[in-house]
Amino acid sequence: PDAFIRPSPSAGTLGGVTWKTRDAIILCEAAGFDTILVETVGVGQSETAVHSIVDFFLLLMLAGAGDELQGIKRGIIEMADAIVITKADGSNKLQAEKAKLLYQNVLTLFPAQSSGWKPAVLTCSTLENSGISELWDLINEYVSFVKKNKYFDERRKQQSVISMNDTIIEYLNNSFSSN
């Protein structure tokens, strides 16, 4: 009863989200929702627009699906504030732990984030109810960290500029296409 879920298909847009996802986030904040989760349609290397509209960027990975090497590519992995290896249960538990170590090592190769935050890698399993509360604690730790060092406010300003630029580009593209 205290949750609002709004599916929004990507309608062919790149970035993992629709053009109006940012507006939906603003509307939910105005309605008093203090936690807003944005699930993408499956973000790839070229689909990272969601990073410009969220305060915390969580990358979910599945161990043993062949994504380990794909995820190492520069781009999406260096945007992540945290990486979670999902389905870390049963026969996949060992693979999940190996993937966790791999990503922890890979993260040391990337330059420091402008927020000053050091991304963490966790494992979780909904079947075993493990790792979820640790993830929530990590997200809260991140929010406290970036609010304390003023990065949160700076990031919100950046998001406003990106939003304005995207709106102008969308308007110009629509105007061009209709003429």
C-alpha atoms as a PDB file:
ATOM      1  CA  PRO A   1       0.000   0.000   0.000  1.00  0.00           C
ATOM      2  CA  ASP A   2       2.942   2.407   0.451  1.00  0.00           C
ATOM      3  CA  ALA A   3       4.481   1.666  -2.940  1.00  0.00           C
ATOM      4  CA  PHE A   4       3.695   2.986  -6.399  1.00  0.00           C
ATOM      5  CA  ILE A   5       4.841   0.922  -9.373  1.00  0.00           C
ATOM      6  CA  ARG A   6       4.751   2.420 -12.841  1.00  0.00           C
ATOM      7  CA  PRO A   7       6.038   0.347 -15.740  1.00  0.00           C
ATOM      8  CA  SER A   8       7.217   2.397 -18.683  1.00  0.00           C
ATOM      9  CA  PRO A   9       8.409   0.595 -21.802  1.00  0.00           C
ATOM     10  CA  SER A  10      11.484   2.065 -23.456  1.00  0.00           C
ATOM     11  CA  ALA A  11       9.593   2.742 -26.710  1.00  0.00           C
ATOM     12  CA  GLY A  12      12.795   2.145 -28.636  1.00  0.00           C
ATOM     13  CA  THR A  13      14.845   4.797 -26.848  1.00  0.00           C
ATOM     14  CA  LEU A  14      18.403   3.996 -25.885  1.00  0.00           C
ATOM     15  CA  GLY A  15      19.701   4.506 -22.381  1.00  0.00           C
ATOM     16  CA  GLY A  16      17.661   1.875 -20.569  1.00  0.00           C
ATOM     17  CA  VAL A  17      14.848   4.335 -19.759  1.00  0.00           C
ATOM     18  CA  THR A  18      12.205   6.325 -21.620  1.00  0.00           C
ATOM     19  CA  TRP A  19      12.340  10.041 -22.372  1.00  0.00           C
ATOM     20  CA  LYS A  20       9.811  10.653 -19.606  1.00  0.00           C
ATOM     21  CA  THR A  21      11.434   8.639 -16.809  1.00  0.00           C
ATOM     22  CA  ARG A  22      13.104  11.758 -15.422  1.00  0.00           C
ATOM     23  CA  ASP A  23       9.712  13.496 -15.281  1.00  0.00           C
ATOM     24  CA  ALA A  24       8.209  10.494 -13.474  1.00  0.00           C
ATOM     25  CA  ILE A  25      10.993  10.654 -10.861  1.00  0.00           C
ATOM     26  CA  ILE A  26      10.362  14.372 -10.275  1.00  0.00           C
ATOM     27  CA  LEU A  27       6.627  13.726  -9.963  1.00  0.00           C
ATOM     28  CA  CYS A  28       7.181  10.908  -7.434  1.00  0.00           C
ATOM     29  CA  GLU A  29       9.509  13.135  -5.384  1.00  0.00           C
ATOM     30  CA  ALA A  30       6.895  15.899  -5.436  1.00  0.00           C
ATOM     31  CA  ALA A  31       4.277  13.380  -4.266  1.00  0.00           C
ATOM     32  CA  GLY A  32       6.418  12.643  -1.220  1.00  0.00           C
ATOM     33  CA  PHE A  33       8.055   9.356  -2.139  1.00  0.00           C
ATOM     34  CA  ASP A  34      11.472   9.297  -0.476  1.00  0.00           C
ATOM     35  CA  THR A  35      12.833   6.229  -2.254  1.00  0.00           C
ATOM     36  CA  ILE A  36      12.434   5.782  -5.984  1.00  0.00           C
ATOM     37  CA  LEU A  37      13.801   2.733  -7.770  1.00  0.00           C
ATOM     38  CA  VAL A  38      14.334   2.915 -11.508  1.00  0.00           C
ATOM     39  CA  GLU A  39      14.720  -0.431 -13.219  1.00  0.00           C
ATOM     40  CA  THR A  40      16.075  -0.316 -16.740  1.00  0.00           C
ATOM     41  CA  VAL A  41      15.199  -2.540 -19.657  1.00  0.00           C
ATOM     42  CA  GLY A  42      18.688  -4.015 -19.603  1.00  0.00           C
ATOM     43  CA  VAL A  43      21.456  -1.519 -19.844  1.00  0.00           C
ATOM     44  CA  GLY A  44      24.357  -2.242 -22.162  1.00  0.00           C
ATOM     45  CA  GLN A  45      27.542  -0.416 -23.031  1.00  0.00           C
ATOM     46  CA  SER A  46      25.774   2.267 -25.068  1.00  0.00           C
ATOM     47  CA  GLU A  47      22.708   2.459 -22.844  1.00  0.00           C
ATOM     48  CA  THR A  48      23.753   4.506 -19.847  1.00  0.00           C
ATOM     49  CA  ALA A  49      21.331   7.455 -19.848  1.00  0.00           C
ATOM     50  CA  VAL A  50      19.837   6.198 -16.599  1.00  0.00           C
ATOM     51  CA  HIS A  51      23.075   7.210 -14.848  1.00  0.00           C
ATOM     52  CA  SER A  52      22.242  10.874 -15.475  1.00  0.00           C
ATOM     53  CA  ILE A  53      18.862  10.689 -13.716  1.00  0.00           C
ATOM     54  CA  VAL A  54      19.576   8.696 -10.553  1.00  0.00           C
ATOM     55  CA  ASP A  55      21.393   9.473  -7.323  1.00  0.00           C
ATOM     56  CA  PHE A  56      22.747   5.943  -6.844  1.00  0.00           C
ATOM     57  CA  PHE A  57      23.671   3.697  -9.772  1.00  0.00           C
ATOM     58  CA  LEU A  58      23.436  -0.010  -8.955  1.00  0.00           C
ATOM     59  CA  LEU A  59      24.689  -2.529 -11.492  1.00  0.00           C
ATOM     60  CA  LEU A  60      23.212  -6.024 -11.141  1.00  0.00           C
ATOM     61  CA  MET A  61      25.237  -8.871 -12.573  1.00  0.00           C
ATOM     62  CA  LEU A  62      24.571 -12.582 -12.814  1.00  0.00           C
ATOM     63  CA  ALA A  63      27.547 -14.873 -12.211  1.00  0.00           C
ATOM     64  CA  GLY A  64      28.192 -17.547 -14.767  1.00  0.00           C
ATOM     65  CA  ALA A  65      26.145 -15.931 -17.535  1.00  0.00           C
ATOM     66  CA  GLY A  66      29.206 -14.831 -19.494  1.00  0.00           C
ATOM     67  CA  ASP A  67      28.729 -11.191 -18.489  1.00  0.00           C
ATOM     68  CA  GLU A  68      31.854 -11.043 -16.340  1.00  0.00           C
ATOM     69  CA  LEU A  69      34.197 -10.160 -19.189  1.00  0.00           C
ATOM     70  CA  GLN A  70      31.585  -8.032 -20.944  1.00  0.00           C
ATOM     71  CA  GLY A  71      31.083  -5.968 -17.785  1.00  0.00           C
ATOM     72  CA  ILE A  72      34.788  -5.222 -17.499  1.00  0.00           C
ATOM     73  CA  LYS A  73      34.623  -2.919 -20.519  1.00  0.00           C
ATOM     74  CA  ARG A  74      34.984   0.745 -19.701  1.00  0.00           C
ATOM     75  CA  GLY A  75      31.694   2.516 -19.543  1.00  0.00           C
ATOM     76  CA  ILE A  76      28.941   1.100 -17.480  1.00  0.00           C
ATOM     77  CA  ILE A  77      31.060  -0.561 -14.810  1.00  0.00           C
ATOM     78  CA  GLU A  78      32.896   2.640 -13.943  1.00  0.00           C
ATOM     79  CA  MET A  79      29.573   4.431 -13.492  1.00  0.00           C
ATOM     80  CA  ALA A  80      28.428   1.977 -10.824  1.00  0.00           C
ATOM     81  CA  ASP A  81      28.234   3.093  -7.214  1.00  0.00           C
ATOM     82  CA  ALA A  82      27.853  -0.579  -6.333  1.00  0.00           C
ATOM     83  CA  ILE A  83      27.776  -3.899  -8.139  1.00  0.00           C
ATOM     84  CA  VAL A  84      25.635  -6.752  -6.885  1.00  0.00           C
ATOM     85  CA  ILE A  85      26.093 -10.311  -8.043  1.00  0.00           C
ATOM     86  CA  THR A  86      22.594 -11.764  -7.917  1.00  0.00           C
ATOM     87  CA  LYS A  87      21.343 -15.313  -7.415  1.00  0.00           C
ATOM     88  CA  ALA A  88      24.254 -16.119  -5.091  1.00  0.00           C
ATOM     89  CA  ASP A  89      22.684 -19.325  -3.851  1.00  0.00           C
ATOM     90  CA  GLY A  90      22.747 -23.069  -4.356  1.00  0.00           C
ATOM     91  CA  SER A  91      25.174 -24.278  -7.000  1.00  0.00           C
ATOM     92  CA  ASN A  92      25.750 -20.693  -8.147  1.00  0.00           C
ATOM     93  CA  LYS A  93      27.106 -19.507  -4.780  1.00  0.00           C
ATOM     94  CA  LEU A  94      30.755 -20.302  -5.553  1.00  0.00           C
ATOM     95  CA  GLN A  95      30.561 -18.667  -8.994  1.00  0.00           C
ATOM     96  CA  ALA A  96      28.988 -15.589  -7.403  1.00  0.00           C
ATOM     97  CA  GLU A  97      31.845 -15.290  -4.901  1.00  0.00           C
ATOM     98  CA  LYS A  98      34.396 -15.642  -7.733  1.00  0.00           C
ATOM     99  CA  ALA A  99      32.576 -12.953  -9.725  1.00  0.00           C
ATOM    100  CA  LYS A 100      32.552 -10.709  -6.652  1.00  0.00           C
ATOM    101  CA  LEU A 101      36.339 -10.996  -6.344  1.00  0.00           C
ATOM    102  CA  LEU A 102      36.772 -10.379 -10.064  1.00  0.00           C
ATOM    103  CA  TYR A 103      34.726  -7.178  -9.966  1.00  0.00           C
ATOM    104  CA  GLN A 104      36.435  -5.989  -6.776  1.00  0.00           C
ATOM    105  CA  ASN A 105      39.780  -6.348  -8.555  1.00  0.00           C
ATOM    106  CA  VAL A 106      38.514  -4.683 -11.723  1.00  0.00           C
ATOM    107  CA  LEU A 107      37.185  -1.675  -9.800  1.00  0.00           C
ATOM    108  CA  THR A 108      40.707  -0.927  -8.561  1.00  0.00           C
ATOM    109  CA  LEU A 109      41.760  -0.312 -12.187  1.00  0.00           C
ATOM    110  CA  PHE A 110      39.351   2.575 -12.732  1.00  0.00           C
ATOM    111  CA  PRO A 111      39.982   6.173 -11.692  1.00  0.00           C
ATOM    112  CA  ALA A 112      38.381   7.429  -8.492  1.00  0.00           C
ATOM    113  CA  GLN A 113      34.792   8.627  -8.794  1.00  0.00           C
ATOM    114  CA  SER A 114      34.187  12.372  -8.630  1.00  0.00           C
ATOM    115  CA  SER A 115      31.986  11.754  -5.583  1.00  0.00           C
ATOM    116  CA  GLY A 116      34.937  10.360  -3.644  1.00  0.00           C
ATOM    117  CA  TRP A 117      32.971   7.136  -3.088  1.00  0.00           C
ATOM    118  CA  LYS A 118      34.656   3.760  -3.522  1.00  0.00           C
ATOM    119  CA  PRO A 119      32.195   1.375  -5.200  1.00  0.00           C
ATOM    120  CA  ALA A 120      31.520  -1.882  -3.393  1.00  0.00           C
ATOM    121  CA  VAL A 121      30.706  -5.324  -4.718  1.00  0.00           C
ATOM    122  CA  LEU A 122      28.171  -7.479  -2.894  1.00  0.00           C
ATOM    123  CA  THR A 123      26.376 -10.744  -3.481  1.00  0.00           C
ATOM    124  CA  CYS A 124      22.731 -11.397  -2.771  1.00  0.00           C
ATOM    125  CA  SER A 125      20.113 -14.074  -2.938  1.00  0.00           C
ATOM    126  CA  THR A 126      16.403 -13.556  -2.605  1.00  0.00           C
ATOM    127  CA  LEU A 127      15.932 -17.310  -2.183  1.00  0.00           C
ATOM    128  CA  GLU A 128      18.168 -17.296   0.896  1.00  0.00           C
ATOM    129  CA  ASN A 129      17.254 -13.732   1.886  1.00  0.00           C
ATOM    130  CA  SER A 130      20.931 -12.814   2.028  1.00  0.00           C
ATOM    131  CA  GLY A 131      22.704  -9.629   1.057  1.00  0.00           C
ATOM    132  CA  ILE A 132      19.567  -7.499   0.725  1.00  0.00           C
ATOM    133  CA  SER A 133      19.844  -5.675   4.053  1.00  0.00           C
ATOM    134  CA  GLU A 134      23.577  -5.188   3.458  1.00  0.00           C
ATOM    135  CA  LEU A 135      22.779  -3.597   0.111  1.00  0.00           C
ATOM    136  CA  TRP A 136      20.213  -1.285   1.692  1.00  0.00           C
ATOM    137  CA  ASP A 137      22.749  -0.300   4.368  1.00  0.00           C
ATOM    138  CA  LEU A 138      25.324   0.393   1.650  1.00  0.00           C
ATOM    139  CA  ILE A 139      22.899   2.635  -0.256  1.00  0.00           C
ATOM    140  CA  ASN A 140      22.134   4.591   2.915  1.00  0.00           C
ATOM    141  CA  GLU A 141      25.868   4.878   3.655  1.00  0.00           C
ATOM    142  CA  TYR A 142      26.413   6.253   0.142  1.00  0.00           C
ATOM    143  CA  VAL A 143      23.644   8.834   0.504  1.00  0.00           C
ATOM    144  CA  SER A 144      25.052   9.995   3.845  1.00  0.00           C
ATOM    145  CA  PHE A 145      28.554  10.158   2.362  1.00  0.00           C
ATOM    146  CA  VAL A 146      27.609  12.254  -0.690  1.00  0.00           C
ATOM    147  CA  LYS A 147      25.341  14.559   1.299  1.00  0.00           C
ATOM    148  CA  LYS A 148      28.082  15.183   3.829  1.00  0.00           C
ATOM    149  CA  ASN A 149      30.707  16.038   1.186  1.00  0.00           C
ATOM    150  CA  LYS A 150      28.157  18.128  -0.818  1.00  0.00           C
ATOM    151  CA  TYR A 151      28.444  15.923  -3.911  1.00  0.00           C
ATOM    152  CA  PHE A 152      24.725  15.117  -3.715  1.00  0.00           C
ATOM    153  CA  ASP A 153      23.747  18.757  -4.340  1.00  0.00           C
ATOM    154  CA  GLU A 154      26.353  19.128  -7.092  1.00  0.00           C
ATOM    155  CA  ARG A 155      25.079  15.968  -8.785  1.00  0.00           C
ATOM    156  CA  ARG A 156      21.505  17.259  -8.685  1.00  0.00           C
ATOM    157  CA  LYS A 157      22.675  20.462 -10.408  1.00  0.00           C
ATOM    158  CA  GLN A 158      24.419  18.378 -13.085  1.00  0.00           C
ATOM    159  CA  GLN A 159      21.249  16.353 -13.566  1.00  0.00           C
ATOM    160  CA  SER A 160      19.267  19.565 -14.146  1.00  0.00           C
ATOM    161  CA  VAL A 161      21.691  20.712 -16.831  1.00  0.00           C
ATOM    162  CA  ILE A 162      21.601  17.295 -18.523  1.00  0.00           C
ATOM    163  CA  SER A 163      17.802  17.367 -18.383  1.00  0.00           C
ATOM    164  CA  MET A 164      17.672  20.793 -20.010  1.00  0.00           C
ATOM    165  CA  ASN A 165      20.091  19.700 -22.758  1.00  0.00           C
ATOM    166  CA  ASP A 166      18.103  16.517 -23.398  1.00  0.00           C
ATOM    167  CA  THR A 167      14.865  18.516 -23.610  1.00  0.00           C
ATOM    168  CA  ILE A 168      16.379  20.902 -26.145  1.00  0.00           C
ATOM    169  CA  ILE A 169      17.767  18.061 -28.241  1.00  0.00           C
ATOM    170  CA  GLU A 170      14.430  16.218 -28.129  1.00  0.00           C
ATOM    171  CA  TYR A 171      12.590  19.384 -29.184  1.00  0.00           C
ATOM    172  CA  LEU A 172      15.014  20.047 -32.055  1.00  0.00           C
ATOM    173  CA  ASN A 173      14.821  16.433 -33.245  1.00  0.00           C
ATOM    174  CA  ASN A 174      11.021  16.466 -33.168  1.00  0.00           C
ATOM    175  CA  SER A 175      10.922  19.815 -34.914  1.00  0.00           C
ATOM    176  CA  PHE A 176      13.325  18.642 -37.603  1.00  0.00           C
ATOM    177  CA  SER A 177      11.446  15.367 -38.129  1.00  0.00           C
ATOM    178  CA  SER A 178       8.078  17.080 -38.444  1.00  0.00           C
ATOM    179  CA  ASN A 179       9.407  19.502 -41.052  1.00  0.00           C
END
